[in-house]
PDB file of N, CA and C in Angstrom:
ATOM      1  N   MET A   1      64.805  -8.041  50.610  1.00  0.00           N
ATOM      2  CA  MET A   1      64.806  -6.627  50.312  1.00  0.00           C
ATOM      3  C   MET A   1      65.373  -5.880  51.519  1.00  0.00           C
ATOM      4  N   GLN A   2      66.284  -4.990  51.240  1.00  0.00           N
ATOM      5  CA  GLN A   2      66.892  -4.145  52.256  1.00  0.00           C
ATOM      6  C   GLN A   2      66.069  -2.855  52.347  1.00  0.00           C
ATOM      7  N   VAL A   3      65.704  -2.426  53.556  1.00  0.00           N
ATOM      8  CA  VAL A   3      64.956  -1.183  53.761  1.00  0.00           C
ATOM      9  C   VAL A   3      65.825  -0.257  54.591  1.00  0.00           C
ATOM     10  N   VAL A   4      66.081   0.964  54.057  1.00  0.00           N
ATOM     11  CA  VAL A   4      66.948   1.912  54.756  1.00  0.00           C
ATOM     12  C   VAL A   4      66.341   3.310  54.698  1.00  0.00           C
ATOM     13  N   SER A   5      66.739   4.153  55.625  1.00  0.00           N
ATOM     14  CA  SER A   5      66.312   5.554  55.608  1.00  0.00           C
ATOM     15  C   SER A   5      67.197   6.321  54.630  1.00  0.00           C
ATOM     16  N   VAL A   6      66.744   7.513  54.255  1.00  0.00           N
ATOM     17  CA  VAL A   6      67.526   8.347  53.347  1.00  0.00           C
ATOM     18  C   VAL A   6      68.891   8.635  53.957  1.00  0.00           C
ATOM     19  N   THR A   7      68.917   8.935  55.253  1.00  0.00           N
ATOM     20  CA  THR A   7      70.180   9.237  55.932  1.00  0.00           C
ATOM     21  C   THR A   7      71.126   8.047  55.863  1.00  0.00           C
ATOM     22  N   GLU A   8      70.604   6.861  56.143  1.00  0.00           N
ATOM     23  CA  GLU A   8      71.436   5.662  56.093  1.00  0.00           C
ATOM     24  C   GLU A   8      71.894   5.383  54.661  1.00  0.00           C
ATOM     25  N   PHE A   9      71.006   5.620  53.687  1.00  0.00           N
ATOM     26  CA  PHE A   9      71.384   5.416  52.300  1.00  0.00           C
ATOM     27  C   PHE A   9      72.529   6.338  51.905  1.00  0.00           C
ATOM     28  N   ARG A  10      72.443   7.611  52.304  1.00  0.00           N
ATOM     29  CA  ARG A  10      73.524   8.556  51.987  1.00  0.00           C
ATOM     30  C   ARG A  10      74.852   8.085  52.568  1.00  0.00           C
ATOM     31  N   ALA A  11      74.808   7.571  53.782  1.00  0.00           N
ATOM     32  CA  ALA A  11      76.032   7.147  54.453  1.00  0.00           C
ATOM     33  C   ALA A  11      76.606   5.868  53.843  1.00  0.00           C
ATOM     34  N   ARG A  12      75.741   5.022  53.274  1.00  0.00           N
ATOM     35  CA  ARG A  12      76.191   3.719  52.779  1.00  0.00           C
ATOM     36  C   ARG A  12      75.789   3.485  51.321  1.00  0.00           C
ATOM     37  N   ALA A  13      75.790   4.535  50.509  1.00  0.00           N
ATOM     38  CA  ALA A  13      75.316   4.438  49.125  1.00  0.00           C
ATOM     39  C   ALA A  13      76.076   3.378  48.328  1.00  0.00           C
ATOM     40  N   ALA A  14      77.396   3.366  48.434  1.00  0.00           N
ATOM     41  CA  ALA A  14      78.192   2.397  47.668  1.00  0.00           C
ATOM     42  C   ALA A  14      77.813   0.967  48.039  1.00  0.00           C
ATOM     43  N   GLU A  15      77.623   0.727  49.307  1.00  0.00           N
ATOM     44  CA  GLU A  15      77.235  -0.615  49.758  1.00  0.00           C
ATOM     45  C   GLU A  15      75.855  -0.989  49.208  1.00  0.00           C
ATOM     46  N   MET A  16      74.929  -0.026  49.199  1.00  0.00           N
ATOM     47  CA  MET A  16      73.587  -0.294  48.682  1.00  0.00           C
ATOM     48  C   MET A  16      73.638  -0.614  47.181  1.00  0.00           C
ATOM     49  N   VAL A  17      74.448   0.125  46.442  1.00  0.00           N
ATOM     50  CA  VAL A  17      74.583  -0.134  45.007  1.00  0.00           C
ATOM     51  C   VAL A  17      75.191  -1.524  44.788  1.00  0.00           C
ATOM     52  N   ASP A  18      76.132  -1.908  45.623  1.00  0.00           N
ATOM     53  CA  ASP A  18      76.715  -3.253  45.522  1.00  0.00           C
ATOM     54  C   ASP A  18      75.642  -4.324  45.735  1.00  0.00           C
ATOM     55  N   ARG A  19      74.762  -4.099  46.696  1.00  0.00           N
ATOM     56  CA  ARG A  19      73.680  -5.057  46.957  1.00  0.00           C
ATOM     57  C   ARG A  19      72.764  -5.185  45.743  1.00  0.00           C
ATOM     58  N   VAL A  20      72.432  -4.039  45.152  1.00  0.00           N
ATOM     59  CA  VAL A  20      71.554  -4.039  43.978  1.00  0.00           C
ATOM     60  C   VAL A  20      72.252  -4.743  42.819  1.00  0.00           C
ATOM     61  N   GLN A  21      73.543  -4.522  42.677  1.00  0.00           N
ATOM     62  CA  GLN A  21      74.303  -5.166  41.608  1.00  0.00           C
ATOM     63  C   GLN A  21      74.259  -6.681  41.757  1.00  0.00           C
ATOM     64  N   LYS A  22      74.165  -7.164  42.975  1.00  0.00           N
ATOM     65  CA  LYS A  22      74.100  -8.608  43.232  1.00  0.00           C
ATOM     66  C   LYS A  22      72.682  -9.158  43.083  1.00  0.00           C
ATOM     67  N   GLY A  23      71.709  -8.268  42.772  1.00  0.00           N
ATOM     68  CA  GLY A  23      70.351  -8.742  42.530  1.00  0.00           C
ATOM     69  C   GLY A  23      69.333  -8.389  43.599  1.00  0.00           C
ATOM     70  N   GLU A  24      69.748  -7.745  44.658  1.00  0.00           N
ATOM     71  CA  GLU A  24      68.832  -7.400  45.746  1.00  0.00           C
ATOM     72  C   GLU A  24      68.148  -6.063  45.453  1.00  0.00           C
ATOM     73  N   THR A  25      66.983  -5.858  46.062  1.00  0.00           N
ATOM     74  CA  THR A  25      66.266  -4.597  45.952  1.00  0.00           C
ATOM     75  C   THR A  25      66.468  -3.811  47.240  1.00  0.00           C
ATOM     76  N   VAL A  26      66.659  -2.502  47.106  1.00  0.00           N
ATOM     77  CA  VAL A  26      66.826  -1.637  48.276  1.00  0.00           C
ATOM     78  C   VAL A  26      65.700  -0.600  48.253  1.00  0.00           C
ATOM     79  N   ARG A  27      64.907  -0.563  49.326  1.00  0.00           N
ATOM     80  CA  ARG A  27      63.828   0.423  49.451  1.00  0.00           C
ATOM     81  C   ARG A  27      64.315   1.545  50.370  1.00  0.00           C
ATOM     82  N   ILE A  28      64.109   2.784  49.933  1.00  0.00           N
ATOM     83  CA  ILE A  28      64.570   3.946  50.689  1.00  0.00           C
ATOM     84  C   ILE A  28      63.358   4.643  51.288  1.00  0.00           C
ATOM     85  N   LEU A  29      63.434   4.912  52.606  1.00  0.00           N
ATOM     86  CA  LEU A  29      62.332   5.552  53.326  1.00  0.00           C
ATOM     87  C   LEU A  29      62.702   6.968  53.743  1.00  0.00           C
ATOM     88  N   ARG A  30      61.723   7.867  53.693  1.00  0.00           N
ATOM     89  CA  ARG A  30      61.870   9.208  54.259  1.00  0.00           C
ATOM     90  C   ARG A  30      60.708   9.384  55.226  1.00  0.00           C
ATOM     91  N   HIS A  31      61.041   9.653  56.474  1.00  0.00           N
ATOM     92  CA  HIS A  31      60.040   9.792  57.536  1.00  0.00           C
ATOM     93  C   HIS A  31      59.149   8.554  57.601  1.00  0.00           C
ATOM     94  N   GLY A  32      59.756   7.384  57.390  1.00  0.00           N
ATOM     95  CA  GLY A  32      59.048   6.123  57.506  1.00  0.00           C
ATOM     96  C   GLY A  32      58.213   5.737  56.300  1.00  0.00           C
ATOM     97  N   LYS A  33      58.213   6.558  55.255  1.00  0.00           N
ATOM     98  CA  LYS A  33      57.406   6.264  54.067  1.00  0.00           C
ATOM     99  C   LYS A  33      58.336   5.984  52.884  1.00  0.00           C
ATOM    100  N   PRO A  34      58.006   4.976  52.083  1.00  0.00           N
ATOM    101  CA  PRO A  34      58.859   4.667  50.933  1.00  0.00           C
ATOM    102  C   PRO A  34      58.844   5.800  49.907  1.00  0.00           C
ATOM    103  N   VAL A  35      60.042   6.181  49.455  1.00  0.00           N
ATOM    104  CA  VAL A  35      60.159   7.237  48.445  1.00  0.00           C
ATOM    105  C   VAL A  35      60.879   6.742  47.197  1.00  0.00           C
ATOM    106  N   ALA A  36      61.614   5.641  47.305  1.00  0.00           N
ATOM    107  CA  ALA A  36      62.331   5.130  46.138  1.00  0.00           C
ATOM    108  C   ALA A  36      62.709   3.678  46.364  1.00  0.00           C
ATOM    109  N   GLU A  37      62.936   2.994  45.247  1.00  0.00           N
ATOM    110  CA  GLU A  37      63.462   1.636  45.284  1.00  0.00           C
ATOM    111  C   GLU A  37      64.571   1.525  44.261  1.00  0.00           C
ATOM    112  N   LEU A  38      65.664   0.938  44.671  1.00  0.00           N
ATOM    113  CA  LEU A  38      66.745   0.612  43.743  1.00  0.00           C
ATOM    114  C   LEU A  38      66.579  -0.852  43.384  1.00  0.00           C
ATOM    115  N   VAL A  39      66.441  -1.117  42.103  1.00  0.00           N
ATOM    116  CA  VAL A  39      66.256  -2.491  41.653  1.00  0.00           C
ATOM    117  C   VAL A  39      67.286  -2.796  40.578  1.00  0.00           C
ATOM    118  N   PRO A  40      67.675  -4.059  40.449  1.00  0.00           N
ATOM    119  CA  PRO A  40      68.609  -4.417  39.379  1.00  0.00           C
ATOM    120  C   PRO A  40      67.954  -4.155  38.020  1.00  0.00           C
ATOM    121  N   PRO A  41      68.740  -3.784  37.018  1.00  0.00           N
ATOM    122  CA  PRO A  41      68.160  -3.542  35.693  1.00  0.00           C
ATOM    123  C   PRO A  41      67.624  -4.834  35.094  1.00  0.00           C
ATOM    124  N   GLN A  42      66.523  -4.702  34.382  1.00  0.00           N
ATOM    125  CA  GLN A  42      65.932  -5.849  33.693  1.00  0.00           C
ATOM    126  C   GLN A  42      66.604  -5.980  32.332  1.00  0.00           C
ATOM    127  N   PRO A  43      66.897  -7.188  31.915  1.00  0.00           N
ATOM    128  CA  PRO A  43      67.502  -7.349  30.589  1.00  0.00           C
ATOM    129  C   PRO A  43      66.527  -6.866  29.515  1.00  0.00           C
ATOM    130  N   GLU A  44      67.069  -6.147  28.541  1.00  0.00           N
ATOM    131  CA  GLU A  44      66.237  -5.655  27.460  1.00  0.00           C
ATOM    132  C   GLU A  44      65.912  -6.802  26.516  1.00  0.00           C
ATOM    133  N   VAL A  45      64.644  -6.959  26.257  1.00  0.00           N
ATOM    134  CA  VAL A  45      64.199  -8.016  25.359  1.00  0.00           C
ATOM    135  C   VAL A  45      63.771  -7.360  24.056  1.00  0.00           C
ATOM    136  N   ALA A  46      64.484  -7.679  23.011  1.00  0.00           N
ATOM    137  CA  ALA A  46      64.161  -7.103  21.705  1.00  0.00           C
ATOM    138  C   ALA A  46      62.940  -7.813  21.138  1.00  0.00           C
ATOM    139  N   GLU A  47      62.093  -7.052  20.502  1.00  0.00           N
ATOM    140  CA  GLU A  47      60.928  -7.639  19.861  1.00  0.00           C
ATOM    141  C   GLU A  47      61.405  -8.467  18.675  1.00  0.00           C
ATOM    142  N   PRO A  48      60.884  -9.681  18.533  1.00  0.00           N
ATOM    143  CA  PRO A  48      61.312 -10.502  17.410  1.00  0.00           C
ATOM    144  C   PRO A  48      60.983  -9.819  16.077  1.00  0.00           C
ATOM    145  N   GLY A  49      61.925  -9.849  15.179  1.00  0.00           N
ATOM    146  CA  GLY A  49      61.711  -9.255  13.870  1.00  0.00           C
ATOM    147  C   GLY A  49      61.962  -7.766  13.812  1.00  0.00           C
ATOM    148  N   ARG A  50      62.195  -7.140  14.935  1.00  0.00           N
ATOM    149  CA  ARG A  50      62.443  -5.699  14.941  1.00  0.00           C
ATOM    150  C   ARG A  50      63.950  -5.455  14.911  1.00  0.00           C
ATOM    151  N   VAL A  51      64.370  -4.670  13.947  1.00  0.00           N
ATOM    152  CA  VAL A  51      65.791  -4.376  13.773  1.00  0.00           C
ATOM    153  C   VAL A  51      65.986  -2.885  14.018  1.00  0.00           C
ATOM    154  N   PRO A  52      66.974  -2.487  14.835  1.00  0.00           N
ATOM    155  CA  PRO A  52      67.209  -1.067  15.057  1.00  0.00           C
ATOM    156  C   PRO A  52      67.503  -0.345  13.744  1.00  0.00           C
ATOM    157  N   ALA A  53      67.150   0.934  13.697  1.00  0.00           N
ATOM    158  CA  ALA A  53      67.308   1.723  12.469  1.00  0.00           C
ATOM    159  C   ALA A  53      68.751   1.700  11.971  1.00  0.00           C
ATOM    160  N   TRP A  54      69.719   1.725  12.884  1.00  0.00           N
ATOM    161  CA  TRP A  54      71.113   1.783  12.448  1.00  0.00           C
ATOM    162  C   TRP A  54      71.602   0.465  11.862  1.00  0.00           C
ATOM    163  N   LYS A  55      70.827  -0.617  12.027  1.00  0.00           N
ATOM    164  CA  LYS A  55      71.218  -1.901  11.456  1.00  0.00           C
ATOM    165  C   LYS A  55      70.469  -2.225  10.163  1.00  0.00           C
ATOM    166  N   ARG A  56      69.450  -1.434   9.854  1.00  0.00           N
ATOM    167  CA  ARG A  56      68.665  -1.704   8.651  1.00  0.00           C
ATOM    168  C   ARG A  56      69.457  -1.349   7.399  1.00  0.00           C
ATOM    169  N   PRO A  57      69.356  -2.174   6.370  1.00  0.00           N
ATOM    170  CA  PRO A  57      70.051  -1.839   5.121  1.00  0.00           C
ATOM    171  C   PRO A  57      69.394  -0.625   4.466  1.00  0.00           C
ATOM    172  N   PHE A  58      70.185   0.121   3.729  1.00  0.00           N
ATOM    173  CA  PHE A  58      69.649   1.288   3.036  1.00  0.00           C
ATOM    174  C   PHE A  58      70.245   1.368   1.648  1.00  0.00           C
ATOM    175  N   GLU A  59      69.548   2.039   0.798  1.00  0.00           N
ATOM    176  CA  GLU A  59      69.987   2.222  -0.583  1.00  0.00           C
ATOM    177  C   GLU A  59      70.650   3.589  -0.672  1.00  0.00           C
ATOM    178  N   PRO A  60      71.918   3.663  -1.082  1.00  0.00           N
ATOM    179  CA  PRO A  60      72.576   4.965  -1.175  1.00  0.00           C
ATOM    180  C   PRO A  60      71.930   5.828  -2.258  1.00  0.00           C
ATOM    181  N   LEU A  61      72.034   7.141  -2.088  1.00  0.00           N
ATOM    182  CA  LEU A  61      71.485   8.070  -3.064  1.00  0.00           C
ATOM    183  C   LEU A  61      72.365   8.105  -4.305  1.00  0.00           C
ATOM    184  N   HIS A  62      71.746   8.131  -5.454  1.00  0.00           N
ATOM    185  CA  HIS A  62      72.460   8.235  -6.721  1.00  0.00           C
ATOM    186  C   HIS A  62      71.939   9.482  -7.432  1.00  0.00           C
ATOM    187  N   ILE A  63      72.459  10.627  -7.060  1.00  0.00           N
ATOM    188  CA  ILE A  63      72.008  11.885  -7.633  1.00  0.00           C
ATOM    189  C   ILE A  63      72.994  12.310  -8.708  1.00  0.00           C
ATOM    190  N   ARG A  64      72.472  12.615  -9.860  1.00  0.00           N
ATOM    191  CA  ARG A  64      73.313  13.080 -10.969  1.00  0.00           C
ATOM    192  C   ARG A  64      72.783  14.422 -11.450  1.00  0.00           C
ATOM    193  N   ARG A  65      73.710  15.260 -11.836  1.00  0.00           N
ATOM    194  CA  ARG A  65      73.330  16.562 -12.376  1.00  0.00           C
ATOM    195  C   ARG A  65      72.831  16.397 -13.811  1.00  0.00           C
ATOM    196  N   ALA A  66      72.344  17.494 -14.361  1.00  0.00           N
ATOM    197  CA  ALA A  66      71.828  17.457 -15.735  1.00  0.00           C
ATOM    198  C   ALA A  66      72.917  17.064 -16.741  1.00  0.00           C
ATOM    199  N   ASP A  67      74.179  17.423 -16.437  1.00  0.00           N
ATOM    200  CA  ASP A  67      75.258  17.061 -17.355  1.00  0.00           C
ATOM    201  C   ASP A  67      75.741  15.621 -17.151  1.00  0.00           C
ATOM    202  N   GLY A  68      75.119  14.873 -16.224  1.00  0.00           N
ATOM    203  CA  GLY A  68      75.439  13.469 -16.028  1.00  0.00           C
ATOM    204  C   GLY A  68      76.563  13.193 -15.051  1.00  0.00           C
ATOM    205  N   LYS A  69      77.161  14.234 -14.449  1.00  0.00           N
ATOM    206  CA  LYS A  69      78.285  14.042 -13.531  1.00  0.00           C
ATOM    207  C   LYS A  69      77.759  13.854 -12.107  1.00  0.00           C
ATOM    208  N   SER A  70      78.427  12.959 -11.385  1.00  0.00           N
ATOM    209  CA  SER A  70      78.075  12.739  -9.987  1.00  0.00           C
ATOM    210  C   SER A  70      78.863  13.706  -9.113  1.00  0.00           C
ATOM    211  N   GLY A  71      78.475  13.790  -7.860  1.00  0.00           N
ATOM    212  CA  GLY A  71      79.188  14.644  -6.914  1.00  0.00           C
ATOM    213  C   GLY A  71      80.640  14.234  -6.773  1.00  0.00           C
ATOM    214  N   ALA A  72      80.898  12.934  -6.760  1.00  0.00           N
ATOM    215  CA  ALA A  72      82.273  12.439  -6.638  1.00  0.00           C
ATOM    216  C   ALA A  72      83.113  12.863  -7.837  1.00  0.00           C
ATOM    217  N   GLN A  73      82.528  12.791  -9.032  1.00  0.00           N
ATOM    218  CA  GLN A  73      83.268  13.203 -10.234  1.00  0.00           C
ATOM    219  C   GLN A  73      83.605  14.690 -10.184  1.00  0.00           C
ATOM    220  N   LEU A  74      82.676  15.501  -9.700  1.00  0.00           N
ATOM    221  CA  LEU A  74      82.935  16.939  -9.600  1.00  0.00           C
ATOM    222  C   LEU A  74      84.073  17.230  -8.624  1.00  0.00           C
ATOM    223  N   ILE A  75      84.094  16.523  -7.517  1.00  0.00           N
ATOM    224  CA  ILE A  75      85.159  16.717  -6.529  1.00  0.00           C
ATOM    225  C   ILE A  75      86.509  16.321  -7.120  1.00  0.00           C
ATOM    226  N   ILE A  76      86.557  15.185  -7.799  1.00  0.00           N
ATOM    227  CA  ILE A  76      87.809  14.723  -8.413  1.00  0.00           C
ATOM    228  C   ILE A  76      88.312  15.742  -9.433  1.00  0.00           C
ATOM    229  N   GLU A  77      87.419  16.258 -10.258  1.00  0.00           N
ATOM    230  CA  GLU A  77      87.808  17.258 -11.251  1.00  0.00           C
ATOM    231  C   GLU A  77      88.329  18.532 -10.593  1.00  0.00           C
ATOM    232  N   GLU A  78      87.666  18.949  -9.514  1.00  0.00           N
ATOM    233  CA  GLU A  78      88.088  20.153  -8.815  1.00  0.00           C
ATOM    234  C   GLU A  78      89.471  19.968  -8.209  1.00  0.00           C
ATOM    235  N   ARG A  79      89.721  18.834  -7.634  1.00  0.00           N
ATOM    236  CA  ARG A  79      91.045  18.570  -7.039  1.00  0.00           C
ATOM    237  C   ARG A  79      92.117  18.518  -8.122  1.00  0.00           C
ATOM    238  N   ALA A  80      91.792  17.938  -9.252  1.00  0.00           N
ATOM    239  CA  ALA A  80      92.760  17.828 -10.354  1.00  0.00           C
ATOM    240  C   ALA A  80      93.096  19.193 -10.936  1.00  0.00           C
ATOM    241  N   SER A  81      92.145  20.126 -10.871  1.00  0.00           N
ATOM    242  CA  SER A  81      92.403  21.455 -11.457  1.00  0.00           C
ATOM    243  C   SER A  81      93.300  22.300 -10.548  1.00  0.00           C
ATOM    244  N   GLY A  82      93.562  21.826  -9.346  1.00  0.00           N
ATOM    245  CA  GLY A  82      94.458  22.532  -8.429  1.00  0.00           C
ATOM    246  C   GLY A  82      93.783  23.601  -7.585  1.00  0.00           C
ATOM    247  N   TRP A  83      92.516  23.658  -7.585  1.00  0.00           N
ATOM    248  CA  TRP A  83      91.784  24.657  -6.797  1.00  0.00           C
ATOM    249  C   TRP A  83      91.836  24.305  -5.390  1.00  0.00           C
TER     250      TRP A  83
END
């Protein structure tokens, strides 16, 4: 683990981020006391059986008016009438 002061971190931020990218942890001190730690990101572990909402199958809506026409049919008729 690399331990640096806030001043040193500001001066060498890119280098510190490179260290973290390689798997090292960087602890940042202010007035000798730890105020932050930069750590590599942990891989996200998906819960087994859990599927994100955007991947779940869905049933499309089938809405029909009282006259039996769908929204798509109404649009087609409107376009054909030249409106």
